[in-house]
Amino acid sequence: MVKSKVSRSFKTAGDNTLLVRPHGSQAAYFALEGEYEFNRSGELCYRLRDKKKDIINLSGAFRLDTNHDLVLTLDGRSDGAAGDEIKISGEWIVSSPNEFVFSYNLVRTDGGFIVRTLSFKGAWDVDRANRLLFKIKTHYGLSSGTLSLEAAWKLGKDNRIVYRYKKRLYGAKALSSHEIVFDGRWAISEGLRLSYLLGADSDTSLNFEAKLAGHVILADKGVIKYSIGIRVAGSTSDIVRNVAIYGRWVINGKYELTFEYEWHSGGCDKVTFRGTYHFARDGDLIFSLRKDIPGLSTTAVCFRYRFLGNNAKLFLQGDLDTSKKWSLLTGVTIPW
């Protein structure tokens, strides 16, 4: 085990080889052949190729640079000087609910390359600017950095989140394009908050700051529309992504209204809102949502009179024009 922690400074060559020199010295760096791996604590280390038992501890915090390469800033527990940066050039290849997989090359002694991967454990999230980020966790649950995706994500097939970026790989003259698809589905909460559920069986969700199109939802449109503003670094305005959730409304009680919608994978989901019904002067049926739901921006769902007359059968009791007393006696489905 390499024990000295303050006597050396580290950095990396363009081919990801670890370079070392005495700390504080102006001497040239020299190369240490080996490869990166995680120790039992989930922290990065560098195993020397010729001396399998010699391991250099590279403890610190990770981030992504503007080229989407990994950068590790060493801390006081590493075998190098705190503040030294280790840059690993490569590409992000896999996105799963609790994992970030990064592929990189190492030069062999014969001049060829060895492909290796680093699999980070953690959780996906979004920041206040609605940008995607991955929070790295060690085996002990401690944070070891945040990988922030600075570009704006897009919507791909079936409304799935897609992240595209360009980068310059080591030795390449031109930029290359890369794409990662976040498999998942959109979900709506009782407070009309919009989330993206990652994976088929995962409980990981991306909770976006989304805006609804207006304070009143028109039920006859059969859709709830959201806009999500993404603020990228250096921009003075948001990049807007529009998410439309199509489904049908079901009046299923005197104080409840349900919106049922399907997933692209063939499943379905629903969200039930609580509130009160009343008729407007023009004959529209208005469902006013509860006012005690935190963060609620939309206040009502409107079933317009013309639509109700052609598509719905409401079983009402009482004279609405005089007593204003009425009740829903059965569940009513508004079909599309």
Protein backbone atom coordinates (compact mmCIF):
# COMPACT_ATOMS: atom_id res chain seq x y z
CA MET A 1 0.00 0.00 0.00
CA VAL A 2 1.29 3.45 -0.89
CA LYS A 3 1.16 5.41 2.38
CA SER A 4 2.54 8.86 1.70
CA LYS A 5 -0.29 11.38 1.43
CA VAL A 6 1.37 14.78 1.13
CA SER A 7 4.69 14.04 -0.58
CA ARG A 8 3.33 13.75 -4.12
CA SER A 9 1.20 15.61 -6.61
CA PHE A 10 -0.93 13.84 -9.22
CA LYS A 11 -2.53 14.66 -12.54
CA THR A 12 -3.39 12.67 -15.66
CA ALA A 13 -2.13 12.54 -19.21
CA GLY A 14 -4.53 12.83 -22.13
CA ASP A 15 -4.60 9.02 -22.41
CA ASN A 16 -5.74 8.77 -18.72
CA THR A 17 -2.37 7.54 -17.41
CA LEU A 18 -1.75 8.76 -13.86
CA LEU A 19 1.24 11.13 -13.58
CA VAL A 20 3.17 11.87 -10.40
CA ARG A 21 5.95 14.11 -9.10
CA PRO A 22 7.11 15.22 -5.64
CA HIS A 23 4.70 17.70 -4.10
CA GLY A 24 5.92 21.29 -4.49
CA SER A 25 8.57 20.30 -6.99
CA GLN A 26 9.00 21.76 -10.46
CA ALA A 27 10.38 18.47 -11.76
CA ALA A 28 8.73 16.74 -14.68
CA TYR A 29 5.87 14.34 -14.01
CA PHE A 30 6.46 10.66 -14.72
CA ALA A 31 3.89 8.04 -15.65
CA LEU A 32 2.52 5.29 -13.41
CA GLU A 33 1.02 2.47 -15.44
CA GLY A 34 -2.12 1.02 -13.93
CA GLU A 35 -5.89 1.32 -13.96
CA TYR A 36 -8.67 2.92 -11.96
CA GLU A 37 -11.04 0.99 -9.71
CA PHE A 38 -13.19 1.47 -6.64
CA ASN A 39 -12.13 0.21 -3.23
CA ARG A 40 -14.45 -1.39 -0.67
CA SER A 41 -15.56 2.03 0.54
CA GLY A 42 -16.66 3.02 -2.95
CA GLU A 43 -13.81 5.52 -3.38
CA LEU A 44 -11.58 5.73 -6.44
CA CYS A 45 -8.07 4.29 -6.38
CA TYR A 46 -5.35 3.48 -8.91
CA ARG A 47 -3.86 -0.02 -8.96
CA LEU A 48 -0.32 -0.11 -10.31
CA ARG A 49 0.07 -2.55 -13.18
CA ASP A 50 3.50 -3.95 -12.28
CA LYS A 51 2.85 -4.08 -8.54
CA LYS A 52 -0.65 -5.47 -8.08
CA LYS A 53 -0.63 -4.88 -4.33
CA ASP A 54 0.31 -1.21 -4.60
CA ILE A 55 -2.82 0.94 -4.64
CA ILE A 56 -2.94 4.73 -4.71
CA ASN A 57 -5.94 6.19 -2.90
CA LEU A 58 -7.63 8.95 -4.89
CA SER A 59 -10.32 10.03 -2.46
CA GLY A 60 -12.23 13.18 -3.36
CA ALA A 61 -15.29 14.67 -5.06
CA PHE A 62 -16.28 14.08 -8.69
CA ARG A 63 -17.79 16.43 -11.24
CA LEU A 64 -18.20 16.62 -15.02
CA ASP A 65 -16.35 19.27 -17.00
CA THR A 66 -17.67 21.06 -20.10
CA ASN A 67 -16.42 18.20 -22.30
CA HIS A 68 -18.38 15.69 -20.18
CA ASP A 69 -15.17 14.14 -18.86
CA LEU A 70 -14.83 13.04 -15.23
CA VAL A 71 -12.83 15.33 -12.95
CA LEU A 72 -11.89 14.25 -9.42
CA THR A 73 -10.69 16.90 -6.94
CA LEU A 74 -8.58 15.17 -4.31
CA ASP A 75 -9.30 15.73 -0.62
CA GLY A 76 -7.14 15.38 2.50
CA ARG A 77 -7.71 11.64 2.74
CA SER A 78 -6.11 10.89 -0.62
CA ASP A 79 -2.52 9.86 -1.29
CA GLY A 80 -1.92 13.10 -3.16
CA ALA A 81 -2.07 16.79 -2.41
CA ALA A 82 -5.54 18.08 -1.57
CA GLY A 83 -6.84 20.14 -4.47
CA ASP A 84 -5.05 18.17 -7.18
CA GLU A 85 -7.37 17.28 -10.06
CA ILE A 86 -7.52 13.90 -11.77
CA LYS A 87 -9.21 14.06 -15.18
CA ILE A 88 -10.48 10.86 -16.80
CA SER A 89 -11.43 11.25 -20.46
CA GLY A 90 -14.12 8.97 -21.81
CA GLU A 91 -17.84 8.75 -22.37
CA TRP A 92 -20.99 8.14 -20.37
CA ILE A 93 -22.55 4.94 -21.72
CA VAL A 94 -25.38 3.79 -19.43
CA SER A 95 -28.16 5.44 -17.47
CA SER A 96 -30.16 3.44 -14.95
CA PRO A 97 -32.19 4.66 -11.94
CA ASN A 98 -29.32 4.27 -9.45
CA GLU A 99 -26.19 4.06 -11.58
CA PHE A 100 -23.93 6.16 -13.80
CA VAL A 101 -21.53 4.11 -15.99
CA PHE A 102 -18.51 5.80 -17.56
CA SER A 103 -16.25 4.17 -20.17
CA TYR A 104 -12.60 5.16 -20.68
CA ASN A 105 -9.46 3.91 -22.42
CA LEU A 106 -6.02 3.12 -21.06
CA VAL A 107 -2.88 2.75 -23.17
CA ARG A 108 -1.24 -0.67 -23.17
CA THR A 109 2.53 -1.16 -23.22
CA ASP A 110 2.33 -2.25 -26.88
CA GLY A 111 0.59 0.99 -27.85
CA GLY A 112 -2.95 -0.41 -28.02
CA PHE A 113 -5.88 0.50 -25.80
CA ILE A 114 -7.74 -1.23 -22.99
CA VAL A 115 -11.40 -0.28 -22.45
CA ARG A 116 -12.46 0.00 -18.82
CA THR A 117 -15.61 1.22 -17.07
CA LEU A 118 -16.39 2.96 -13.80
CA SER A 119 -19.84 2.33 -12.33
CA PHE A 120 -20.98 4.98 -9.87
CA LYS A 121 -23.81 4.29 -7.41
CA GLY A 122 -26.18 7.03 -6.38
CA ALA A 123 -29.43 8.69 -7.43
CA TRP A 124 -30.66 10.92 -10.24
CA ASP A 125 -32.24 14.27 -9.45
CA VAL A 126 -32.88 17.70 -10.96
CA ASP A 127 -31.62 21.08 -9.79
CA ARG A 128 -33.57 24.32 -9.50
CA ALA A 129 -32.89 25.04 -13.17
CA ASN A 130 -34.50 21.67 -14.14
CA ARG A 131 -31.14 20.30 -15.27
CA LEU A 132 -30.35 16.63 -14.72
CA LEU A 133 -27.77 15.60 -12.16
CA PHE A 134 -26.46 12.43 -10.55
CA LYS A 135 -25.58 12.45 -6.84
CA ILE A 136 -22.79 9.95 -6.19
CA LYS A 137 -22.89 7.89 -3.00
CA THR A 138 -20.15 5.72 -1.53
CA HIS A 139 -20.82 2.30 0.02
CA TYR A 140 -21.27 4.04 3.37
CA GLY A 141 -23.86 6.45 1.99
CA LEU A 142 -21.49 9.42 2.01
CA SER A 143 -21.53 11.89 -0.86
CA SER A 144 -18.58 11.93 -3.22
CA GLY A 145 -19.69 14.57 -5.68
CA THR A 146 -22.44 15.56 -8.08
CA LEU A 147 -22.34 14.98 -11.83
CA SER A 148 -24.31 17.86 -13.34
CA LEU A 149 -25.45 17.60 -16.95
CA GLU A 150 -25.09 21.15 -18.21
CA ALA A 151 -26.88 20.77 -21.55
CA ALA A 152 -30.66 20.84 -21.84
CA TRP A 153 -32.41 17.47 -22.09
CA LYS A 154 -35.02 16.84 -24.79
CA LEU A 155 -38.14 14.73 -25.30
CA GLY A 156 -37.73 11.71 -27.54
CA LYS A 157 -39.98 8.90 -28.65
CA ASP A 158 -42.96 8.25 -26.35
CA ASN A 159 -42.17 11.40 -24.36
CA ARG A 160 -39.05 9.80 -22.84
CA ILE A 161 -36.25 12.05 -21.63
CA VAL A 162 -33.21 12.09 -23.92
CA TYR A 163 -29.88 13.75 -23.16
CA ARG A 164 -27.68 14.60 -26.15
CA TYR A 165 -24.25 16.13 -25.99
CA LYS A 166 -21.13 16.60 -28.09
CA LYS A 167 -17.58 16.03 -26.94
CA ARG A 168 -14.07 15.65 -28.21
CA LEU A 169 -12.66 12.19 -27.49
CA TYR A 170 -8.94 11.75 -26.89
CA GLY A 171 -7.02 11.74 -30.18
CA ALA A 172 -10.05 12.78 -32.26
CA LYS A 173 -10.03 15.92 -34.38
CA ALA A 174 -13.79 16.39 -34.64
CA LEU A 175 -16.53 16.47 -32.02
CA SER A 176 -18.62 13.32 -31.66
CA SER A 177 -22.34 13.15 -30.80
CA HIS A 178 -23.64 11.08 -27.90
CA GLU A 179 -27.15 10.23 -26.74
CA ILE A 180 -28.51 8.68 -23.54
CA VAL A 181 -32.20 7.74 -23.15
CA PHE A 182 -33.74 7.80 -19.68
CA ASP A 183 -36.29 5.01 -19.76
CA GLY A 184 -39.32 5.91 -17.67
CA ARG A 185 -42.74 7.56 -17.69
CA TRP A 186 -44.40 10.80 -16.63
CA ALA A 187 -46.65 10.89 -13.57
CA ILE A 188 -49.03 13.48 -12.10
CA SER A 189 -49.60 13.95 -8.36
CA GLU A 190 -52.73 15.13 -6.57
CA GLY A 191 -51.23 18.61 -6.44
CA LEU A 192 -50.80 18.48 -10.26
CA ARG A 193 -47.03 18.29 -9.78
CA LEU A 194 -45.21 16.65 -12.69
CA SER A 195 -42.61 13.92 -12.13
CA TYR A 196 -40.67 11.49 -14.30
CA LEU A 197 -40.46 7.96 -12.86
CA LEU A 198 -37.22 6.25 -13.87
CA GLY A 199 -37.22 2.60 -14.95
CA ALA A 200 -39.99 0.03 -14.79
CA ASP A 201 -39.79 -0.92 -11.12
CA SER A 202 -37.80 1.92 -9.61
CA ASP A 203 -39.08 4.31 -6.97
CA THR A 204 -36.70 7.03 -8.22
CA SER A 205 -38.47 10.09 -9.59
CA LEU A 206 -37.35 13.37 -11.12
CA ASN A 207 -39.53 16.13 -9.68
CA PHE A 208 -39.51 19.03 -12.11
CA GLU A 209 -40.57 22.62 -11.57
CA ALA A 210 -43.29 22.63 -14.24
CA LYS A 211 -46.00 25.13 -15.15
CA LEU A 212 -49.50 24.30 -16.31
CA ALA A 213 -51.07 26.07 -19.28
CA GLY A 214 -53.41 28.41 -17.43
CA HIS A 215 -55.36 28.25 -14.20
CA VAL A 216 -58.26 26.27 -15.69
CA ILE A 217 -57.99 22.89 -17.44
CA LEU A 218 -60.56 22.29 -20.20
CA ALA A 219 -61.77 18.73 -19.71
CA ASP A 220 -63.06 18.26 -23.27
CA LYS A 221 -59.48 18.52 -24.60
CA GLY A 222 -58.54 15.27 -22.83
CA VAL A 223 -55.06 16.49 -22.01
CA ILE A 224 -53.05 18.14 -19.24
CA LYS A 225 -50.24 20.28 -20.63
CA TYR A 226 -47.09 21.36 -18.85
CA SER A 227 -44.10 23.51 -19.75
CA ILE A 228 -40.69 23.00 -18.16
CA GLY A 229 -38.09 25.76 -18.38
CA ILE A 230 -34.44 24.64 -18.41
CA ARG A 231 -31.78 27.25 -17.67
CA VAL A 232 -28.36 26.28 -19.01
CA ALA A 233 -25.13 27.95 -17.94
CA GLY A 234 -24.44 31.21 -19.70
CA SER A 235 -28.02 31.65 -20.96
CA THR A 236 -30.32 34.51 -19.98
CA SER A 237 -33.53 32.71 -20.98
CA ASP A 238 -35.02 29.27 -20.44
CA ILE A 239 -35.16 26.46 -22.97
CA VAL A 240 -38.76 25.22 -22.77
CA ARG A 241 -39.88 21.60 -23.05
CA ASN A 242 -43.61 20.96 -23.42
CA VAL A 243 -45.07 17.78 -21.91
CA ALA A 244 -48.61 16.71 -22.79
CA ILE A 245 -50.34 13.92 -20.82
CA TYR A 246 -53.39 12.54 -22.68
CA GLY A 247 -56.21 10.67 -20.97
CA ARG A 248 -59.82 10.89 -19.85
CA TRP A 249 -61.71 12.40 -16.94
CA VAL A 250 -63.91 10.32 -14.65
CA ILE A 251 -66.40 11.93 -12.25
CA ASN A 252 -66.40 9.35 -9.51
CA GLY A 253 -67.93 11.04 -6.51
CA LYS A 254 -69.44 14.20 -5.15
CA TYR A 255 -66.06 15.54 -4.11
CA GLU A 256 -63.70 13.66 -6.44
CA LEU A 257 -62.49 13.84 -10.03
CA THR A 258 -60.07 11.32 -11.58
CA PHE A 259 -57.78 11.65 -14.58
CA GLU A 260 -56.79 8.32 -16.18
CA TYR A 261 -53.84 8.16 -18.59
CA GLU A 262 -51.77 5.50 -20.35
CA TRP A 263 -48.04 4.88 -20.49
CA HIS A 264 -46.12 4.37 -23.72
CA SER A 265 -45.30 0.83 -22.51
CA GLY A 266 -48.98 -0.13 -22.38
CA GLY A 267 -49.71 0.31 -18.69
CA CYS A 268 -51.94 2.97 -17.20
CA ASP A 269 -52.13 5.24 -14.19
CA LYS A 270 -54.56 7.65 -12.61
CA VAL A 271 -54.64 10.54 -10.22
CA THR A 272 -57.67 11.55 -8.13
CA PHE A 273 -58.32 15.13 -7.12
CA ARG A 274 -60.55 16.29 -4.28
CA GLY A 275 -62.63 19.42 -4.46
CA THR A 276 -66.16 20.67 -5.12
CA TYR A 277 -68.44 20.91 -8.16
CA HIS A 278 -70.65 23.81 -9.16
CA PHE A 279 -72.34 25.09 -12.30
CA ALA A 280 -71.31 28.40 -13.81
CA ARG A 281 -73.89 30.84 -15.17
CA ASP A 282 -73.22 29.71 -18.73
CA GLY A 283 -73.96 26.09 -17.82
CA ASP A 284 -70.34 24.91 -17.60
CA LEU A 285 -69.62 22.36 -14.88
CA ILE A 286 -66.66 23.52 -12.77
CA PHE A 287 -64.62 21.33 -10.47
CA SER A 288 -62.68 23.54 -8.05
CA LEU A 289 -59.62 21.88 -6.57
CA ARG A 290 -58.84 22.04 -2.88
CA LYS A 291 -57.00 25.18 -1.87
CA ASP A 292 -54.82 23.48 0.77
CA ILE A 293 -52.59 21.57 -1.69
CA PRO A 294 -49.01 22.99 -1.50
CA GLY A 295 -47.73 24.56 -4.71
CA LEU A 296 -50.99 24.20 -6.62
CA SER A 297 -51.22 26.70 -9.49
CA THR A 298 -54.21 25.44 -11.46
CA THR A 299 -57.44 25.95 -9.54
CA ALA A 300 -60.20 24.27 -11.57
CA VAL A 301 -61.23 21.78 -14.26
CA CYS A 302 -63.99 22.94 -16.59
CA PHE A 303 -66.51 20.71 -18.40
CA ARG A 304 -67.96 23.11 -20.94
CA TYR A 305 -71.72 23.13 -21.41
CA ARG A 306 -71.62 22.31 -25.11
CA PHE A 307 -69.44 19.30 -24.48
CA LEU A 308 -71.58 18.05 -21.60
CA GLY A 309 -74.72 18.25 -23.70
CA ASN A 310 -73.23 16.00 -26.38
CA ASN A 311 -71.09 13.55 -24.43
CA ALA A 312 -72.11 13.09 -20.79
CA LYS A 313 -75.10 11.90 -18.79
CA LEU A 314 -75.14 13.57 -15.39
CA PHE A 315 -77.66 12.26 -12.90
CA LEU A 316 -78.57 15.29 -10.84
CA GLN A 317 -81.01 15.76 -7.98
CA GLY A 318 -82.73 19.04 -7.23
CA ASP A 319 -83.48 22.20 -9.13
CA LEU A 320 -80.13 23.79 -9.92
CA ASP A 321 -81.66 27.05 -11.10
CA THR A 322 -83.44 27.72 -7.81
CA SER A 323 -82.16 25.70 -4.87
CA LYS A 324 -78.57 25.19 -6.11
CA LYS A 325 -78.70 21.86 -4.27
CA TRP A 326 -77.61 18.87 -6.26
CA SER A 327 -75.65 15.66 -5.91
CA LEU A 328 -74.01 13.13 -8.17
CA LEU A 329 -75.84 9.84 -7.70
CA THR A 330 -73.56 7.66 -9.84
CA GLY A 331 -70.10 7.72 -11.30
CA VAL A 332 -69.92 9.31 -14.72
CA THR A 333 -67.18 8.73 -17.29
CA ILE A 334 -66.45 11.48 -19.79
CA PRO A 335 -65.22 9.52 -22.87
CA TRP A 336 -62.89 10.89 -25.57
